[in-house]
Structures are given as C-alpha cells and as structure tokens.
C-alpha cells in the first residue's frame, strides 16, 4: 500500500480556509478519487504543535490518501488533476509539499 501525503507548511503569513477545505474541496476530491478501485482511504489532520511544548507544528494541515499502488493513485488523480489543483486558490495560498510513501506497518 502507498500513502500520498499533501502537506501544507505552517506559515503564519499564509491563508488557509479550513471550512472550505473540509466542506467543499475534500468531499470533491474524495468523491472523484474514491471511484477508483485502488482507493483505500483518506485522513485529514490539523497540526497542533511541535515536539517540544509550546512550539509550532511543522505543517498546519496534512492530507493522506491511501492507495494500493502509485499507479492506482495516478490513474485516479490524473483525469481530475486540473479540477482539483485549480480549486486550491479557493482555500489556500500555500504551496503544498507532496510525498509518496510505501506503508510498511499499519495497525
């Protein structure tokens, strides 16, 4: 299984509309991507703090999609890439960091 992580850096000068993201963008993304048989799940996380008490989280928002394979993710995402990426200015001015990882252990 693979995890596609979309990480939004915690930048105090950035703008992020969590309401739009959770209520509009993510239902759209989940609806489109979950139609592919390789889709396994998604989670959204809000960063609350860093490793030391009182320090800032490295990322303000993290989205993690699970797919059977990278090929499955690409097949699910590419037909909708322009639509999903085009919606980003509606909820943030941040440039996300994207990482694809192999899930080695999950319980």
N, C-alpha and C. Protein backbone atom coordinates (compact mmCIF):
# COMPACT_ATOMS: atom_id res chain seq x y z
N UNK A 1 0.84 -1.17 0.00
CA UNK A 1 0.00 0.00 0.00
C UNK A 1 0.89 1.23 0.00
N UNK A 2 0.39 2.32 -0.61
CA UNK A 2 1.13 3.57 -0.62
C UNK A 2 0.29 4.68 0.00
N UNK A 3 1.00 5.68 0.51
CA UNK A 3 0.34 6.85 1.09
C UNK A 3 0.81 8.08 0.32
N UNK A 4 -0.13 8.87 -0.14
CA UNK A 4 0.18 10.14 -0.77
C UNK A 4 -0.10 11.21 0.27
N UNK A 5 0.92 11.90 0.70
CA UNK A 5 0.78 12.94 1.72
C UNK A 5 0.86 14.30 1.06
N UNK A 6 -0.13 15.13 1.35
CA UNK A 6 -0.17 16.51 0.86
C UNK A 6 -0.04 17.37 2.11
N UNK A 7 1.11 17.99 2.25
CA UNK A 7 1.49 18.67 3.48
C UNK A 7 1.53 20.18 3.25
N UNK A 8 0.77 20.92 4.05
CA UNK A 8 0.73 22.37 3.94
C UNK A 8 1.57 22.96 5.07
N UNK A 9 2.72 23.56 4.73
CA UNK A 9 3.62 24.10 5.76
C UNK A 9 2.92 25.13 6.65
N UNK A 10 3.32 25.14 7.91
CA UNK A 10 2.76 26.08 8.87
C UNK A 10 3.47 27.41 8.70
N UNK A 11 2.87 28.28 7.94
CA UNK A 11 3.42 29.60 7.65
C UNK A 11 2.45 30.63 8.22
N UNK A 12 2.89 31.37 9.23
CA UNK A 12 1.99 32.32 9.92
C UNK A 12 1.43 33.39 8.99
N UNK A 13 2.09 33.65 7.88
CA UNK A 13 1.62 34.67 6.94
C UNK A 13 0.71 34.09 5.86
N UNK A 14 0.49 32.78 5.88
CA UNK A 14 -0.31 32.13 4.85
C UNK A 14 -1.79 32.17 5.22
N UNK A 15 -2.60 31.90 4.21
CA UNK A 15 -4.05 31.86 4.37
C UNK A 15 -4.52 30.44 4.08
N UNK A 16 -5.38 29.91 4.94
CA UNK A 16 -5.95 28.58 4.73
C UNK A 16 -7.37 28.59 5.27
N UNK A 17 -8.36 28.34 4.39
CA UNK A 17 -9.77 28.32 4.76
C UNK A 17 -10.15 26.87 5.06
N UNK A 18 -10.07 26.49 6.33
CA UNK A 18 -10.33 25.12 6.73
C UNK A 18 -11.78 24.72 6.44
N UNK A 19 -12.71 25.63 6.62
CA UNK A 19 -14.11 25.33 6.34
C UNK A 19 -14.32 24.93 4.89
N UNK A 20 -13.78 25.72 3.96
CA UNK A 20 -13.91 25.40 2.54
C UNK A 20 -13.22 24.08 2.24
N UNK A 21 -12.04 23.90 2.80
CA UNK A 21 -11.26 22.68 2.54
C UNK A 21 -12.03 21.44 2.96
N UNK A 22 -12.58 21.46 4.19
CA UNK A 22 -13.28 20.29 4.71
C UNK A 22 -14.68 20.10 4.12
N UNK A 23 -15.38 21.21 3.86
CA UNK A 23 -16.77 21.13 3.43
C UNK A 23 -16.98 21.09 1.92
N UNK A 24 -15.98 21.56 1.16
CA UNK A 24 -16.14 21.64 -0.30
C UNK A 24 -15.04 20.88 -1.04
N UNK A 25 -13.79 21.25 -0.78
CA UNK A 25 -12.70 20.65 -1.57
C UNK A 25 -12.55 19.16 -1.30
N UNK A 26 -12.47 18.78 -0.05
CA UNK A 26 -12.24 17.36 0.25
C UNK A 26 -13.40 16.46 -0.14
N UNK A 27 -14.65 16.83 0.04
CA UNK A 27 -15.72 15.97 -0.50
C UNK A 27 -15.61 15.77 -2.01
N UNK A 28 -15.21 16.84 -2.72
CA UNK A 28 -15.00 16.73 -4.17
C UNK A 28 -13.86 15.75 -4.46
N UNK A 29 -12.72 15.95 -3.80
CA UNK A 29 -11.56 15.08 -4.03
C UNK A 29 -11.86 13.63 -3.67
N UNK A 30 -12.49 13.42 -2.53
CA UNK A 30 -12.81 12.05 -2.10
C UNK A 30 -13.79 11.41 -3.07
N UNK A 31 -14.78 12.15 -3.50
CA UNK A 31 -15.75 11.61 -4.45
C UNK A 31 -15.09 11.17 -5.75
N UNK A 32 -14.18 11.97 -6.25
CA UNK A 32 -13.51 11.64 -7.52
C UNK A 32 -12.50 10.51 -7.35
N UNK A 33 -11.65 10.59 -6.35
CA UNK A 33 -10.57 9.61 -6.20
C UNK A 33 -11.07 8.26 -5.67
N UNK A 34 -12.09 8.27 -4.85
CA UNK A 34 -12.59 7.01 -4.29
C UNK A 34 -13.34 6.17 -5.31
N UNK A 35 -13.63 6.73 -6.46
CA UNK A 35 -14.27 5.95 -7.53
C UNK A 35 -13.32 4.91 -8.11
N UNK A 36 -12.02 5.08 -7.89
CA UNK A 36 -11.03 4.12 -8.39
C UNK A 36 -10.93 2.95 -7.42
N UNK A 37 -10.83 1.76 -7.95
CA UNK A 37 -10.80 0.56 -7.11
C UNK A 37 -9.57 0.48 -6.21
N UNK A 38 -8.51 1.19 -6.53
CA UNK A 38 -7.29 1.16 -5.72
C UNK A 38 -7.33 2.07 -4.51
N UNK A 39 -8.36 2.90 -4.41
CA UNK A 39 -8.50 3.83 -3.27
C UNK A 39 -8.80 3.04 -2.01
N UNK A 40 -8.09 3.34 -0.93
CA UNK A 40 -8.27 2.62 0.34
C UNK A 40 -8.70 3.51 1.49
N UNK A 41 -8.47 4.80 1.38
CA UNK A 41 -8.90 5.68 2.46
C UNK A 41 -8.21 7.03 2.41
N UNK A 42 -8.63 7.90 3.31
CA UNK A 42 -8.07 9.25 3.40
C UNK A 42 -8.20 9.72 4.84
N UNK A 43 -7.26 10.56 5.26
CA UNK A 43 -7.37 11.23 6.55
C UNK A 43 -6.88 12.66 6.40
N UNK A 44 -7.47 13.53 7.19
CA UNK A 44 -7.07 14.94 7.23
C UNK A 44 -6.67 15.24 8.66
N UNK A 45 -5.56 15.93 8.82
CA UNK A 45 -5.06 16.27 10.15
C UNK A 45 -4.72 17.75 10.20
N UNK A 46 -4.95 18.36 11.36
CA UNK A 46 -4.55 19.75 11.61
C UNK A 46 -3.40 19.72 12.61
N UNK A 47 -2.29 20.34 12.26
CA UNK A 47 -1.15 20.39 13.16
C UNK A 47 -1.44 21.25 14.37
N UNK A 48 -1.15 20.73 15.55
CA UNK A 48 -1.41 21.47 16.79
C UNK A 48 -0.14 21.98 17.46
N UNK A 49 0.97 21.27 17.28
CA UNK A 49 2.19 21.69 17.94
C UNK A 49 3.37 20.86 17.51
N UNK A 50 4.55 21.31 17.90
CA UNK A 50 5.77 20.60 17.59
C UNK A 50 6.15 19.62 18.68
N UNK A 51 7.33 19.07 18.58
CA UNK A 51 7.80 18.06 19.53
C UNK A 51 7.95 18.61 20.94
N UNK A 52 8.36 19.85 21.04
CA UNK A 52 8.54 20.48 22.35
C UNK A 52 7.29 21.30 22.68
N UNK A 53 6.83 21.26 23.92
CA UNK A 53 5.66 22.06 24.31
C UNK A 53 5.84 23.53 23.95
N UNK A 54 4.80 24.08 23.38
CA UNK A 54 4.82 25.49 23.02
C UNK A 54 5.41 25.80 21.67
N UNK A 55 5.93 24.79 20.96
CA UNK A 55 6.48 25.05 19.63
C UNK A 55 5.41 24.81 18.57
N UNK A 56 5.59 25.43 17.45
CA UNK A 56 4.61 25.33 16.36
C UNK A 56 4.75 24.02 15.61
N UNK A 57 3.64 23.55 15.07
CA UNK A 57 3.64 22.37 14.20
C UNK A 57 4.36 22.71 12.91
N UNK A 58 5.03 21.73 12.33
CA UNK A 58 5.72 21.95 11.05
C UNK A 58 4.72 22.17 9.91
N UNK A 59 3.57 21.50 10.01
CA UNK A 59 2.55 21.59 8.97
C UNK A 59 1.23 21.98 9.62
N UNK A 60 0.53 22.93 9.01
CA UNK A 60 -0.76 23.35 9.54
C UNK A 60 -1.85 22.35 9.20
N UNK A 61 -1.76 21.75 8.02
CA UNK A 61 -2.74 20.77 7.57
C UNK A 61 -2.01 19.67 6.81
N UNK A 62 -2.47 18.43 7.02
CA UNK A 62 -1.92 17.28 6.31
C UNK A 62 -3.07 16.44 5.79
N UNK A 63 -2.97 16.04 4.55
CA UNK A 63 -3.95 15.15 3.94
C UNK A 63 -3.19 13.90 3.50
N UNK A 64 -3.73 12.73 3.84
CA UNK A 64 -3.08 11.47 3.49
C UNK A 64 -4.08 10.56 2.78
N UNK A 65 -3.80 10.26 1.51
CA UNK A 65 -4.60 9.31 0.75
C UNK A 65 -3.89 7.96 0.74
N UNK A 66 -4.64 6.90 0.88
CA UNK A 66 -4.10 5.54 0.78
C UNK A 66 -4.61 4.89 -0.49
N UNK A 67 -3.68 4.29 -1.24
CA UNK A 67 -4.00 3.56 -2.47
C UNK A 67 -3.21 2.26 -2.49
N UNK A 68 -3.68 1.31 -3.28
CA UNK A 68 -2.96 0.05 -3.42
C UNK A 68 -1.57 0.26 -4.01
N UNK A 69 -1.45 1.18 -4.95
CA UNK A 69 -0.16 1.40 -5.63
C UNK A 69 -0.08 2.83 -6.14
N UNK A 70 1.13 3.25 -6.48
CA UNK A 70 1.32 4.56 -7.08
C UNK A 70 0.58 4.64 -8.41
N UNK A 71 0.61 3.58 -9.18
CA UNK A 71 -0.10 3.55 -10.46
C UNK A 71 -1.60 3.76 -10.27
N UNK A 72 -2.16 3.18 -9.20
CA UNK A 72 -3.58 3.38 -8.92
C UNK A 72 -3.87 4.84 -8.58
N UNK A 73 -3.00 5.45 -7.79
CA UNK A 73 -3.20 6.86 -7.46
C UNK A 73 -3.14 7.72 -8.72
N UNK A 74 -2.14 7.49 -9.54
CA UNK A 74 -2.00 8.28 -10.77
C UNK A 74 -3.22 8.10 -11.66
N UNK A 75 -3.70 6.88 -11.79
CA UNK A 75 -4.88 6.61 -12.62
C UNK A 75 -6.12 7.32 -12.06
N UNK A 76 -6.23 7.38 -10.74
CA UNK A 76 -7.38 8.04 -10.11
C UNK A 76 -7.27 9.56 -10.19
N UNK A 77 -6.06 10.08 -10.00
CA UNK A 77 -5.85 11.52 -9.89
C UNK A 77 -5.76 12.26 -11.23
N UNK A 78 -5.03 11.72 -12.16
CA UNK A 78 -4.72 12.47 -13.39
C UNK A 78 -5.95 12.96 -14.16
N UNK A 79 -7.01 12.18 -14.29
CA UNK A 79 -8.18 12.71 -15.01
C UNK A 79 -8.81 13.93 -14.33
N UNK A 80 -8.52 14.14 -13.06
CA UNK A 80 -9.13 15.22 -12.29
C UNK A 80 -8.12 16.24 -11.78
N UNK A 81 -6.87 16.11 -12.19
CA UNK A 81 -5.79 16.95 -11.67
C UNK A 81 -6.07 18.43 -11.87
N UNK A 82 -6.48 18.83 -13.06
CA UNK A 82 -6.72 20.25 -13.33
C UNK A 82 -7.83 20.80 -12.44
N UNK A 83 -8.89 20.04 -12.27
CA UNK A 83 -10.01 20.48 -11.43
C UNK A 83 -9.58 20.62 -9.97
N UNK A 84 -8.92 19.59 -9.44
CA UNK A 84 -8.54 19.61 -8.03
C UNK A 84 -7.46 20.66 -7.75
N UNK A 85 -6.46 20.75 -8.59
CA UNK A 85 -5.42 21.75 -8.39
C UNK A 85 -5.95 23.15 -8.65
N UNK A 86 -6.88 23.27 -9.58
CA UNK A 86 -7.47 24.57 -9.87
C UNK A 86 -8.33 25.10 -8.73
N UNK A 87 -8.78 24.22 -7.85
CA UNK A 87 -9.60 24.62 -6.71
C UNK A 87 -8.76 25.13 -5.54
N UNK A 88 -7.47 24.88 -5.57
CA UNK A 88 -6.60 25.25 -4.44
C UNK A 88 -6.67 26.74 -4.08
N UNK A 89 -6.71 27.67 -5.03
CA UNK A 89 -6.77 29.09 -4.64
C UNK A 89 -8.04 29.45 -3.86
N UNK A 90 -9.03 28.57 -3.86
CA UNK A 90 -10.25 28.82 -3.09
C UNK A 90 -10.07 28.56 -1.60
N UNK A 91 -8.99 27.84 -1.22
CA UNK A 91 -8.80 27.56 0.20
C UNK A 91 -7.41 27.88 0.74
N UNK A 92 -6.41 28.13 -0.12
CA UNK A 92 -5.09 28.47 0.42
C UNK A 92 -4.21 29.19 -0.60
N UNK A 93 -3.23 29.89 -0.06
CA UNK A 93 -2.17 30.46 -0.90
C UNK A 93 -0.85 29.73 -0.67
N UNK A 94 -0.91 28.63 0.08
CA UNK A 94 0.27 27.81 0.34
C UNK A 94 0.57 26.86 -0.82
N UNK A 95 1.83 26.60 -1.05
CA UNK A 95 2.24 25.55 -1.99
C UNK A 95 2.48 24.29 -1.18
N UNK A 96 1.69 23.24 -1.41
CA UNK A 96 1.86 22.04 -0.60
C UNK A 96 3.12 21.27 -0.97
N UNK A 97 3.57 20.49 -0.01
CA UNK A 97 4.66 19.53 -0.24
C UNK A 97 3.98 18.18 -0.43
N UNK A 98 4.33 17.49 -1.50
CA UNK A 98 3.72 16.19 -1.82
C UNK A 98 4.78 15.10 -1.60
N UNK A 99 4.38 14.06 -0.92
CA UNK A 99 5.28 12.92 -0.73
C UNK A 99 4.50 11.62 -0.95
N UNK A 100 5.11 10.70 -1.67
CA UNK A 100 4.55 9.36 -1.85
C UNK A 100 5.42 8.41 -1.04
N UNK A 101 4.78 7.65 -0.18
CA UNK A 101 5.49 6.74 0.72
C UNK A 101 4.91 5.34 0.61
N UNK A 102 5.76 4.36 0.87
CA UNK A 102 5.30 2.98 0.99
C UNK A 102 4.93 2.74 2.45
N UNK A 103 3.74 2.23 2.69
CA UNK A 103 3.31 1.92 4.05
C UNK A 103 3.87 0.56 4.40
N UNK A 104 4.75 0.52 5.39
CA UNK A 104 5.39 -0.74 5.79
C UNK A 104 4.70 -1.37 7.00
N UNK A 105 4.06 -0.57 7.82
CA UNK A 105 3.38 -1.08 9.00
C UNK A 105 2.20 -0.19 9.29
N UNK A 106 1.05 -0.75 9.49
CA UNK A 106 -0.15 -0.02 9.85
C UNK A 106 -1.04 -0.93 10.69
N UNK A 107 -1.54 -0.38 11.78
CA UNK A 107 -2.41 -1.20 12.66
C UNK A 107 -3.67 -0.45 12.96
